[in-house]
C-alpha atoms as a PDB file:
ATOM      1  CA  MET A   1      46.520 -64.535 -72.619  1.00  0.00           C
ATOM      2  CA  LYS A   2      44.047 -63.221 -70.093  1.00  0.00           C
ATOM      3  CA  TRP A   3      45.451 -61.882 -66.849  1.00  0.00           C
ATOM      4  CA  THR A   4      43.737 -63.095 -63.684  1.00  0.00           C
ATOM      5  CA  ASN A   5      43.454 -61.297 -60.346  1.00  0.00           C
ATOM      6  CA  ASP A   6      45.502 -63.945 -58.507  1.00  0.00           C
ATOM      7  CA  ARG A   7      48.904 -62.992 -57.072  1.00  0.00           C
ATOM      8  CA  SER A   8      51.590 -65.066 -55.342  1.00  0.00           C
ATOM      9  CA  GLU A   9      53.648 -64.002 -52.349  1.00  0.00           C
ATOM     10  CA  ASN A  10      56.485 -66.292 -53.473  1.00  0.00           C
ATOM     11  CA  VAL A  11      58.124 -63.788 -55.840  1.00  0.00           C
ATOM     12  CA  ASP A  12      61.412 -62.197 -54.771  1.00  0.00           C
ATOM     13  CA  ASP A  13      62.134 -59.178 -56.985  1.00  0.00           C
ATOM     14  CA  ARG A  14      65.804 -58.255 -56.645  1.00  0.00           C
ATOM     15  CA  ARG A  15      65.930 -55.905 -59.623  1.00  0.00           C
ATOM     16  CA  GLY A  16      67.115 -52.437 -58.748  1.00  0.00           C
ATOM     17  CA  SER A  17      68.511 -53.651 -55.427  1.00  0.00           C
ATOM     18  CA  GLY A  18      72.163 -53.198 -56.311  1.00  0.00           C
ATOM     19  CA  GLY A  19      73.150 -56.626 -57.632  1.00  0.00           C
ATOM     20  CA  GLY A  20      75.211 -59.374 -56.220  1.00  0.00           C
ATOM     21  CA  GLY A  21      78.515 -59.567 -54.437  1.00  0.00           C
ATOM     22  CA  ALA A  22      78.388 -63.238 -55.423  1.00  0.00           C
ATOM     23  CA  ILE A  23      81.052 -65.874 -54.922  1.00  0.00           C
ATOM     24  CA  VAL A  24      82.193 -67.948 -57.885  1.00  0.00           C
ATOM     25  CA  GLY A  25      84.356 -70.802 -56.709  1.00  0.00           C
ATOM     26  CA  GLY A  26      84.079 -73.363 -59.505  1.00  0.00           C
ATOM     27  CA  GLY A  27      82.055 -75.817 -57.420  1.00  0.00           C
ATOM     28  CA  LEU A  28      79.482 -78.351 -58.589  1.00  0.00           C
ATOM     29  CA  GLY A  29      76.681 -75.784 -58.673  1.00  0.00           C
ATOM     30  CA  THR A  30      78.778 -73.529 -60.893  1.00  0.00           C
ATOM     31  CA  ILE A  31      79.573 -76.398 -63.267  1.00  0.00           C
ATOM     32  CA  ILE A  32      75.908 -77.370 -63.551  1.00  0.00           C
ATOM     33  CA  ILE A  33      74.901 -73.786 -64.258  1.00  0.00           C
ATOM     34  CA  ALA A  34      77.721 -73.461 -66.794  1.00  0.00           C
ATOM     35  CA  ALA A  35      76.284 -76.450 -68.627  1.00  0.00           C
ATOM     36  CA  ILE A  36      72.918 -74.709 -68.691  1.00  0.00           C
ATOM     37  CA  VAL A  37      74.589 -71.627 -70.154  1.00  0.00           C
ATOM     38  CA  PHE A  38      76.208 -73.645 -72.935  1.00  0.00           C
ATOM     39  CA  PHE A  39      73.007 -75.252 -74.110  1.00  0.00           C
ATOM     40  CA  LEU A  40      71.132 -71.961 -74.004  1.00  0.00           C
ATOM     41  CA  GLY A  41      73.791 -70.475 -76.263  1.00  0.00           C
ATOM     42  CA  GLY A  42      75.895 -68.749 -73.606  1.00  0.00           C
ATOM     43  CA  ASP A  43      79.585 -69.065 -72.850  1.00  0.00           C
ATOM     44  CA  PRO A  44      80.320 -71.164 -69.734  1.00  0.00           C
ATOM     45  CA  SER A  45      83.954 -70.079 -69.740  1.00  0.00           C
ATOM     46  CA  GLU A  46      82.752 -66.704 -68.496  1.00  0.00           C
ATOM     47  CA  ILE A  47      81.647 -68.477 -65.325  1.00  0.00           C
ATOM     48  CA  LEU A  48      84.177 -71.248 -64.854  1.00  0.00           C
ATOM     49  CA  SER A  49      87.194 -68.961 -65.389  1.00  0.00           C
ATOM     50  CA  SER A  50      85.934 -66.223 -63.107  1.00  0.00           C
ATOM     51  CA  GLY A  51      88.454 -66.866 -60.322  1.00  0.00           C
ATOM     52  CA  THR A  52      87.473 -67.242 -56.694  1.00  0.00           C
ATOM     53  CA  SER A  53      85.228 -64.250 -56.254  1.00  0.00           C
ATOM     54  CA  SER A  54      83.302 -61.711 -58.234  1.00  0.00           C
ATOM     55  CA  GLN A  55      82.156 -58.513 -56.593  1.00  0.00           C
ATOM     56  CA  GLN A  56      79.898 -57.030 -59.260  1.00  0.00           C
ATOM     57  CA  ARG A  57      77.509 -54.507 -57.777  1.00  0.00           C
ATOM     58  CA  THR A  58      75.223 -52.094 -59.539  1.00  0.00           C
ATOM     59  CA  GLU A  59      73.755 -48.919 -58.111  1.00  0.00           C
ATOM     60  CA  GLN A  60      70.362 -49.151 -56.484  1.00  0.00           C
ATOM     61  CA  ARG A  61      67.529 -47.603 -58.457  1.00  0.00           C
ATOM     62  CA  GLU A  62      63.773 -47.327 -58.558  1.00  0.00           C
ATOM     63  CA  LEU A  63      61.943 -49.818 -60.742  1.00  0.00           C
ATOM     64  CA  THR A  64      60.169 -48.411 -63.774  1.00  0.00           C
ATOM     65  CA  GLN A  65      56.421 -48.737 -64.268  1.00  0.00           C
ATOM     66  CA  GLU A  66      57.065 -51.395 -66.919  1.00  0.00           C
ATOM     67  CA  GLU A  67      59.239 -53.377 -64.495  1.00  0.00           C
ATOM     68  CA  LEU A  68      56.545 -53.156 -61.828  1.00  0.00           C
ATOM     69  CA  LYS A  69      54.044 -54.443 -64.392  1.00  0.00           C
ATOM     70  CA  ILE A  70      56.371 -57.371 -65.124  1.00  0.00           C
ATOM     71  CA  ARG A  71      56.517 -58.160 -61.396  1.00  0.00           C
ATOM     72  CA  THR A  72      52.721 -58.227 -61.265  1.00  0.00           C
ATOM     73  CA  PHE A  73      52.630 -60.461 -64.340  1.00  0.00           C
ATOM     74  CA  ILE A  74      55.162 -62.931 -62.912  1.00  0.00           C
ATOM     75  CA  SER A  75      53.331 -62.940 -59.587  1.00  0.00           C
ATOM     76  CA  MET A  76      50.117 -63.797 -61.419  1.00  0.00           C
ATOM     77  CA  LEU A  77      51.761 -66.602 -63.393  1.00  0.00           C
ATOM     78  CA  THR A  78      53.410 -67.950 -60.245  1.00  0.00           C
ATOM     79  CA  LYS A  79      50.050 -68.109 -58.469  1.00  0.00           C
ATOM     80  CA  GLU A  80      48.466 -69.854 -61.451  1.00  0.00           C
ATOM     81  CA  ASN A  81      51.250 -72.446 -61.322  1.00  0.00           C
ATOM     82  CA  GLU A  82      50.734 -72.905 -57.594  1.00  0.00           C
ATOM     83  CA  GLN A  83      46.983 -73.381 -57.911  1.00  0.00           C
ATOM     84  CA  THR A  84      47.271 -75.813 -60.805  1.00  0.00           C
ATOM     85  CA  TRP A  85      49.965 -77.963 -59.214  1.00  0.00           C
ATOM     86  CA  GLU A  86      48.200 -77.957 -55.855  1.00  0.00           C
ATOM     87  CA  LYS A  87      45.192 -79.384 -57.695  1.00  0.00           C
ATOM     88  CA  VAL A  88      47.235 -82.029 -59.551  1.00  0.00           C
ATOM     89  CA  PHE A  89      49.119 -83.119 -56.438  1.00  0.00           C
ATOM     90  CA  SER A  90      45.941 -83.248 -54.345  1.00  0.00           C
ATOM     91  CA  GLU A  91      44.195 -85.401 -56.956  1.00  0.00           C
ATOM     92  CA  ASN A  92      47.107 -87.834 -56.747  1.00  0.00           C
ATOM     93  CA  GLY A  93      47.200 -87.980 -52.949  1.00  0.00           C
ATOM     94  CA  MET A  94      50.182 -85.674 -52.478  1.00  0.00           C
ATOM     95  CA  LYS A  95      50.848 -82.222 -51.043  1.00  0.00           C
ATOM     96  CA  TYR A  96      52.427 -79.542 -53.212  1.00  0.00           C
ATOM     97  CA  LYS A  97      55.102 -77.191 -51.844  1.00  0.00           C
ATOM     98  CA  PRO A  98      55.361 -73.938 -53.851  1.00  0.00           C
ATOM     99  CA  ALA A  99      58.612 -72.795 -55.409  1.00  0.00           C
ATOM    100  CA  ARG A 100      60.002 -69.293 -55.086  1.00  0.00           C
ATOM    101  CA  VAL A 101      60.567 -67.149 -58.188  1.00  0.00           C
ATOM    102  CA  VAL A 102      63.509 -64.742 -58.114  1.00  0.00           C
ATOM    103  CA  LEU A 103      63.627 -61.841 -60.563  1.00  0.00           C
ATOM    104  CA  PHE A 104      67.090 -60.351 -60.929  1.00  0.00           C
ATOM    105  CA  GLU A 105      69.305 -58.359 -63.250  1.00  0.00           C
ATOM    106  CA  GLN A 106      72.974 -58.961 -64.088  1.00  0.00           C
ATOM    107  CA  ASN A 107      73.771 -61.325 -61.188  1.00  0.00           C
ATOM    108  CA  THR A 108      72.566 -62.569 -57.838  1.00  0.00           C
ATOM    109  CA  ASP A 109      73.219 -65.331 -55.324  1.00  0.00           C
ATOM    110  CA  SER A 110      71.430 -68.670 -55.597  1.00  0.00           C
ATOM    111  CA  GLY A 111      71.614 -71.969 -53.747  1.00  0.00           C
ATOM    112  CA  CYS A 112      73.345 -73.439 -56.811  1.00  0.00           C
ATOM    113  CA  GLY A 113      76.024 -70.757 -57.189  1.00  0.00           C
ATOM    114  CA  THR A 114      76.012 -67.414 -58.926  1.00  0.00           C
ATOM    115  CA  ALA A 115      73.050 -66.600 -61.133  1.00  0.00           C
ATOM    116  CA  GLN A 116      74.040 -64.457 -64.111  1.00  0.00           C
ATOM    117  CA  SER A 117      72.069 -62.970 -66.979  1.00  0.00           C
ATOM    118  CA  ALA A 118      73.854 -65.097 -69.583  1.00  0.00           C
ATOM    119  CA  MET A 119      72.501 -68.282 -68.017  1.00  0.00           C
ATOM    120  CA  GLY A 120      68.897 -67.770 -68.966  1.00  0.00           C
ATOM    121  CA  PRO A 121      66.119 -68.903 -66.598  1.00  0.00           C
ATOM    122  CA  PHE A 122      66.933 -71.941 -64.449  1.00  0.00           C
ATOM    123  CA  TYR A 123      65.645 -73.910 -61.494  1.00  0.00           C
ATOM    124  CA  CYS A 124      67.858 -74.471 -58.453  1.00  0.00           C
ATOM    125  CA  PRO A 125      66.774 -77.554 -56.450  1.00  0.00           C
ATOM    126  CA  ALA A 126      69.007 -76.571 -53.521  1.00  0.00           C
ATOM    127  CA  ASP A 127      66.774 -73.620 -52.616  1.00  0.00           C
ATOM    128  CA  GLN A 128      63.714 -74.693 -54.634  1.00  0.00           C
ATOM    129  CA  SER A 129      63.724 -71.452 -56.602  1.00  0.00           C
ATOM    130  CA  VAL A 130      63.352 -70.373 -60.220  1.00  0.00           C
ATOM    131  CA  TYR A 131      65.760 -67.618 -61.285  1.00  0.00           C
ATOM    132  CA  MET A 132      64.798 -65.303 -64.140  1.00  0.00           C
ATOM    133  CA  ASP A 133      66.503 -62.309 -65.683  1.00  0.00           C
ATOM    134  CA  MET A 134      63.880 -60.954 -68.064  1.00  0.00           C
ATOM    135  CA  SER A 135      66.567 -59.855 -70.543  1.00  0.00           C
ATOM    136  CA  PHE A 136      66.679 -63.537 -71.579  1.00  0.00           C
ATOM    137  CA  PHE A 137      63.559 -62.980 -73.645  1.00  0.00           C
ATOM    138  CA  ASN A 138      65.336 -60.377 -75.781  1.00  0.00           C
ATOM    139  CA  GLU A 139      68.011 -63.019 -76.420  1.00  0.00           C
ATOM    140  CA  LEU A 140      65.360 -65.609 -77.232  1.00  0.00           C
ATOM    141  CA  GLN A 141      63.915 -63.354 -79.892  1.00  0.00           C
ATOM    142  CA  GLN A 142      67.082 -61.856 -81.331  1.00  0.00           C
ATOM    143  CA  ARG A 143      69.385 -64.885 -81.241  1.00  0.00           C
ATOM    144  CA  PHE A 144      67.054 -67.859 -81.575  1.00  0.00           C
ATOM    145  CA  GLY A 145      64.253 -66.427 -83.667  1.00  0.00           C
ATOM    146  CA  ALA A 146      61.321 -66.851 -81.272  1.00  0.00           C
ATOM    147  CA  GLU A 147      58.551 -64.272 -81.310  1.00  0.00           C
ATOM    148  CA  VAL A 148      58.170 -63.278 -77.667  1.00  0.00           C
ATOM    149  CA  THR A 149      54.670 -62.815 -76.271  1.00  0.00           C
ATOM    150  CA  GLU A 150      53.234 -62.931 -72.774  1.00  0.00           C
ATOM    151  CA  PHE A 151      52.565 -66.629 -73.223  1.00  0.00           C
ATOM    152  CA  THR A 152      56.190 -67.189 -74.220  1.00  0.00           C
ATOM    153  CA  VAL A 153      57.103 -66.008 -70.727  1.00  0.00           C
ATOM    154  CA  ALA A 154      54.347 -68.217 -69.304  1.00  0.00           C
ATOM    155  CA  TYR A 155      55.777 -71.273 -71.102  1.00  0.00           C
ATOM    156  CA  VAL A 156      59.335 -70.640 -69.901  1.00  0.00           C
ATOM    157  CA  LEU A 157      58.222 -70.173 -66.295  1.00  0.00           C
ATOM    158  CA  ALA A 158      56.000 -73.263 -66.511  1.00  0.00           C
ATOM    159  CA  HIS A 159      58.950 -75.298 -67.840  1.00  0.00           C
ATOM    160  CA  GLU A 160      61.107 -74.254 -64.874  1.00  0.00           C
ATOM    161  CA  MET A 161      58.205 -75.002 -62.524  1.00  0.00           C
ATOM    162  CA  GLY A 162      58.150 -78.421 -64.190  1.00  0.00           C
ATOM    163  CA  HIS A 163      61.658 -78.965 -62.839  1.00  0.00           C
ATOM    164  CA  HIS A 164      60.350 -78.017 -59.395  1.00  0.00           C
ATOM    165  CA  VAL A 165      57.659 -80.688 -59.757  1.00  0.00           C
ATOM    166  CA  GLN A 166      60.394 -83.171 -60.702  1.00  0.00           C
ATOM    167  CA  ASN A 167      62.296 -82.170 -57.594  1.00  0.00           C
ATOM    168  CA  LEU A 168      59.269 -82.715 -55.348  1.00  0.00           C
ATOM    169  CA  LEU A 169      58.575 -86.101 -56.958  1.00  0.00           C
ATOM    170  CA  GLY A 170      62.190 -87.252 -56.531  1.00  0.00           C
ATOM    171  CA  THR A 171      62.955 -87.351 -60.256  1.00  0.00           C
ATOM    172  CA  LEU A 172      65.867 -84.930 -60.007  1.00  0.00           C
ATOM    173  CA  ASP A 173      67.394 -86.984 -57.182  1.00  0.00           C
ATOM    174  CA  GLN A 174      67.266 -90.070 -59.402  1.00  0.00           C
ATOM    175  CA  THR A 175      68.867 -88.324 -62.365  1.00  0.00           C
ATOM    176  CA  ASN A 176      71.579 -86.808 -60.181  1.00  0.00           C
ATOM    177  CA  ASN A 177      72.293 -90.225 -58.642  1.00  0.00           C
ATOM    178  CA  ALA A 178      72.629 -91.640 -62.152  1.00  0.00           C
ATOM    179  CA  ARG A 179      75.189 -88.952 -63.014  1.00  0.00           C
ATOM    180  CA  ARG A 180      77.198 -89.638 -59.873  1.00  0.00           C
ATOM    181  CA  SER A 181      77.084 -93.422 -60.135  1.00  0.00           C
ATOM    182  CA  GLY A 182      79.660 -93.723 -62.908  1.00  0.00           C
ATOM    183  CA  ARG A 183      77.594 -96.513 -64.486  1.00  0.00           C
ATOM    184  CA  TYR A 184      76.488 -94.583 -67.531  1.00  0.00           C
ATOM    185  CA  SER A 185      78.289 -93.382 -70.638  1.00  0.00           C
ATOM    186  CA  GLU A 186      78.222 -89.744 -71.684  1.00  0.00           C
ATOM    187  CA  GLU A 187      75.730 -90.604 -74.412  1.00  0.00           C
ATOM    188  CA  GLN A 188      73.436 -92.330 -71.904  1.00  0.00           C
ATOM    189  CA  LEU A 189      73.675 -89.382 -69.511  1.00  0.00           C
ATOM    190  CA  ASN A 190      72.751 -87.050 -72.358  1.00  0.00           C
ATOM    191  CA  ARG A 191      69.650 -89.152 -73.008  1.00  0.00           C
ATOM    192  CA  ILE A 192      68.734 -88.922 -69.331  1.00  0.00           C
ATOM    193  CA  SER A 193      69.136 -85.145 -69.541  1.00  0.00           C
ATOM    194  CA  VAL A 194      66.934 -85.005 -72.637  1.00  0.00           C
ATOM    195  CA  ALA A 195      64.244 -87.062 -70.891  1.00  0.00           C
ATOM    196  CA  THR A 196      64.416 -84.708 -67.893  1.00  0.00           C
ATOM    197  CA  GLU A 197      63.983 -81.597 -70.030  1.00  0.00           C
ATOM    198  CA  LEU A 198      61.226 -83.041 -72.203  1.00  0.00           C
ATOM    199  CA  GLN A 199      59.310 -84.056 -69.090  1.00  0.00           C
ATOM    200  CA  ALA A 200      59.524 -80.430 -67.922  1.00  0.00           C
ATOM    201  CA  ASP A 201      58.067 -79.431 -71.310  1.00  0.00           C
ATOM    202  CA  PHE A 202      55.305 -81.998 -70.807  1.00  0.00           C
ATOM    203  CA  TYR A 203      54.563 -80.502 -67.392  1.00  0.00           C
ATOM    204  CA  ALA A 204      54.457 -77.024 -68.959  1.00  0.00           C
ATOM    205  CA  GLY A 205      51.854 -78.248 -71.439  1.00  0.00           C
ATOM    206  CA  LEU A 206      49.929 -79.965 -68.657  1.00  0.00           C
ATOM    207  CA  TRP A 207      49.946 -76.709 -66.667  1.00  0.00           C
ATOM    208  CA  ALA A 208      48.601 -74.802 -69.687  1.00  0.00           C
ATOM    209  CA  ARG A 209      45.770 -77.301 -70.174  1.00  0.00           C
ATOM    210  CA  ILE A 210      44.656 -77.515 -66.544  1.00  0.00           C
ATOM    211  CA  THR A 211      45.000 -73.774 -65.960  1.00  0.00           C
ATOM    212  CA  GLY A 212      43.035 -73.088 -69.122  1.00  0.00           C
ATOM    213  CA  ASP A 213      40.281 -75.435 -67.934  1.00  0.00           C
ATOM    214  CA  ARG A 214      40.266 -73.833 -64.483  1.00  0.00           C
ATOM    215  CA  GLU A 215      40.470 -70.195 -65.585  1.00  0.00           C
ATOM    216  CA  ASN A 216      37.853 -69.240 -68.171  1.00  0.00           C
ATOM    217  CA  SER A 217      39.463 -67.753 -71.344  1.00  0.00           C
ATOM    218  CA  PHE A 218      42.931 -67.796 -69.727  1.00  0.00           C
ATOM    219  CA  ILE A 219      44.435 -69.113 -72.974  1.00  0.00           C
ATOM    220  CA  GLU A 220      43.608 -66.965 -75.981  1.00  0.00           C
ATOM    221  CA  PRO A 221      44.070 -67.594 -79.721  1.00  0.00           C
ATOM    222  CA  GLY A 222      47.750 -67.699 -80.603  1.00  0.00           C
ATOM    223  CA  ASP A 223      48.985 -68.525 -77.086  1.00  0.00           C
ATOM    224  CA  LEU A 224      49.757 -72.191 -77.725  1.00  0.00           C
ATOM    225  CA  GLU A 225      51.510 -71.258 -80.955  1.00  0.00           C
ATOM    226  CA  SER A 226      53.713 -68.869 -78.966  1.00  0.00           C
ATOM    227  CA  ALA A 227      54.649 -71.620 -76.522  1.00  0.00           C
ATOM    228  CA  VAL A 228      55.396 -74.090 -79.309  1.00  0.00           C
ATOM    229  CA  ASN A 229      57.462 -71.485 -81.146  1.00  0.00           C
ATOM    230  CA  ALA A 230      59.547 -70.892 -78.010  1.00  0.00           C
ATOM    231  CA  ALA A 231      59.940 -74.626 -77.389  1.00  0.00           C
ATOM    232  CA  GLU A 232      61.169 -75.148 -80.936  1.00  0.00           C
ATOM    233  CA  ALA A 233      63.529 -72.151 -80.703  1.00  0.00           C
ATOM    234  CA  VAL A 234      65.397 -73.676 -77.743  1.00  0.00           C
ATOM    235  CA  GLY A 235      65.637 -77.153 -79.264  1.00  0.00           C
ATOM    236  CA  ASP A 236      69.193 -78.463 -79.280  1.00  0.00           C
ATOM    237  CA  ASP A 237      69.268 -78.745 -83.063  1.00  0.00           C
ATOM    238  CA  ASN A 238      68.203 -75.125 -83.538  1.00  0.00           C
ATOM    239  CA  ILE A 239      70.671 -73.838 -80.956  1.00  0.00           C
ATOM    240  CA  GLN A 240      73.557 -75.877 -82.369  1.00  0.00           C
ATOM    241  CA  ARG A 241      72.758 -74.904 -85.941  1.00  0.00           C
ATOM    242  CA  ARG A 242      72.711 -71.211 -85.025  1.00  0.00           C
ATOM    243  CA  SER A 243      75.733 -71.287 -82.706  1.00  0.00           C
ATOM    244  CA  GLN A 244      78.112 -73.696 -84.450  1.00  0.00           C
ATOM    245  CA  GLY A 245      76.650 -74.249 -87.900  1.00  0.00           C
ATOM    246  CA  TYR A 246      75.997 -77.989 -87.602  1.00  0.00           C
ATOM    247  CA  VAL A 247      74.002 -80.457 -85.493  1.00  0.00           C
ATOM    248  CA  ASN A 248      75.446 -83.233 -83.316  1.00  0.00           C
ATOM    249  CA  GLN A 249      72.514 -85.303 -82.107  1.00  0.00           C
ATOM    250  CA  GLU A 250      74.609 -87.369 -79.678  1.00  0.00           C
ATOM    251  CA  SER A 251      75.363 -84.219 -77.678  1.00  0.00           C
ATOM    252  CA  PHE A 252      71.712 -83.225 -77.259  1.00  0.00           C
ATOM    253  CA  THR A 253      70.786 -82.519 -73.629  1.00  0.00           C
ATOM    254  CA  HIS A 254      67.391 -80.808 -73.955  1.00  0.00           C
ATOM    255  CA  GLY A 255      65.830 -82.469 -76.993  1.00  0.00           C
ATOM    256  CA  SER A 256      65.265 -81.444 -80.582  1.00  0.00           C
ATOM    257  CA  SER A 257      62.819 -78.738 -81.608  1.00  0.00           C
ATOM    258  CA  ALA A 258      60.380 -81.425 -82.792  1.00  0.00           C
ATOM    259  CA  GLN A 259      60.644 -83.338 -79.493  1.00  0.00           C
ATOM    260  CA  ARG A 260      60.117 -80.241 -77.384  1.00  0.00           C
ATOM    261  CA  LYS A 261      57.004 -79.350 -79.365  1.00  0.00           C
ATOM    262  CA  GLU A 262      55.756 -82.946 -79.206  1.00  0.00           C
ATOM    263  CA  TRP A 263      56.022 -83.277 -75.434  1.00  0.00           C
ATOM    264  CA  PHE A 264      54.603 -79.836 -74.681  1.00  0.00           C
ATOM    265  CA  MET A 265      51.582 -80.629 -76.827  1.00  0.00           C
ATOM    266  CA  LYS A 266      51.284 -84.122 -75.312  1.00  0.00           C
ATOM    267  CA  GLY A 267      51.005 -82.529 -71.888  1.00  0.00           C
ATOM    268  CA  TYR A 268      48.421 -80.082 -73.158  1.00  0.00           C
ATOM    269  CA  ASN A 269      46.347 -82.582 -75.122  1.00  0.00           C
ATOM    270  CA  SER A 270      46.358 -85.329 -72.486  1.00  0.00           C
ATOM    271  CA  GLY A 271      45.845 -83.229 -69.359  1.00  0.00           C
ATOM    272  CA  ASP A 272      47.086 -86.311 -67.485  1.00  0.00           C
ATOM    273  CA  ILE A 273      50.304 -86.306 -65.467  1.00  0.00           C
ATOM    274  CA  GLN A 274      50.519 -90.082 -65.810  1.00  0.00           C
ATOM    275  CA  GLN A 275      51.236 -89.661 -69.554  1.00  0.00           C
ATOM    276  CA  GLY A 276      54.511 -87.818 -68.932  1.00  0.00           C
ATOM    277  CA  ASP A 277      56.969 -90.690 -68.500  1.00  0.00           C
ATOM    278  CA  THR A 278      59.604 -89.484 -70.958  1.00  0.00           C
ATOM    279  CA  PHE A 279      62.204 -91.764 -69.379  1.00  0.00           C
ATOM    280  CA  ARG A 280      60.411 -94.963 -70.316  1.00  0.00           C
ATOM    281  CA  GLN A 281      59.979 -93.745 -73.879  1.00  0.00           C
ATOM    282  CA  LEU A 282      63.460 -92.280 -74.422  1.00  0.00           C
ATOM    283  CA  ILE A 283      65.812 -94.373 -72.243  1.00  0.00           C
ATOM    284  CA  ARG A 284      66.551 -97.791 -73.649  1.00  0.00           C
END
């Protein structure tokens, strides 16, 4: 992918700052994040059984040149997300509020509880921030078989920004209300979760299309294949097959590899946010 000269001020780089001093109390935020860990292949028991507090602090250090380059890259991608979503929202008579992107290592505080490396990237609606430990991409390649490129990182960030879009549009409030209502079975709630995640994939594809149209030569040959490869790698069926040796479709919460590819490409091919109603298509 081609780097642009745009940079965002909404990137908080906490790497090298000495780590967390985070509180783990087993609250709702911790449980939600633990669920994210499980479906990314991590072990939620490491979080939920952590007691009442965890004072893990690393020594402060200077960032390497490679880490500084990563910060510049993430700042560029963040700005490209902001510009694209500002355009989409404006065209639909709405105002876009940018998300913050937090880069960290090992652990840090978030509005949803403690962010830890094992969780993988996630979006916290409480503080409207995306949390990323870049070591996740080593895990993505080594454990789930995805070839990691710059556009792999772009896809993952765009997916999490898709959750931010859902938060601004009220979608996350609706799904959370459904979970709290007690009116749905576990299987129905799983389908709601799948629809939520596939819509974020759709938004990632939509971002790629609109950004590519706006920025000349932004997407280069092989970039879309990298995104699709990453989407397929984190499909529930692939993760379950690799982690437990069999697939249980009823327990899917993010969608199959084929579904994740389908909705990313639908977002890219359509370029139309109105085509992203995964709930109508998946919830019966």
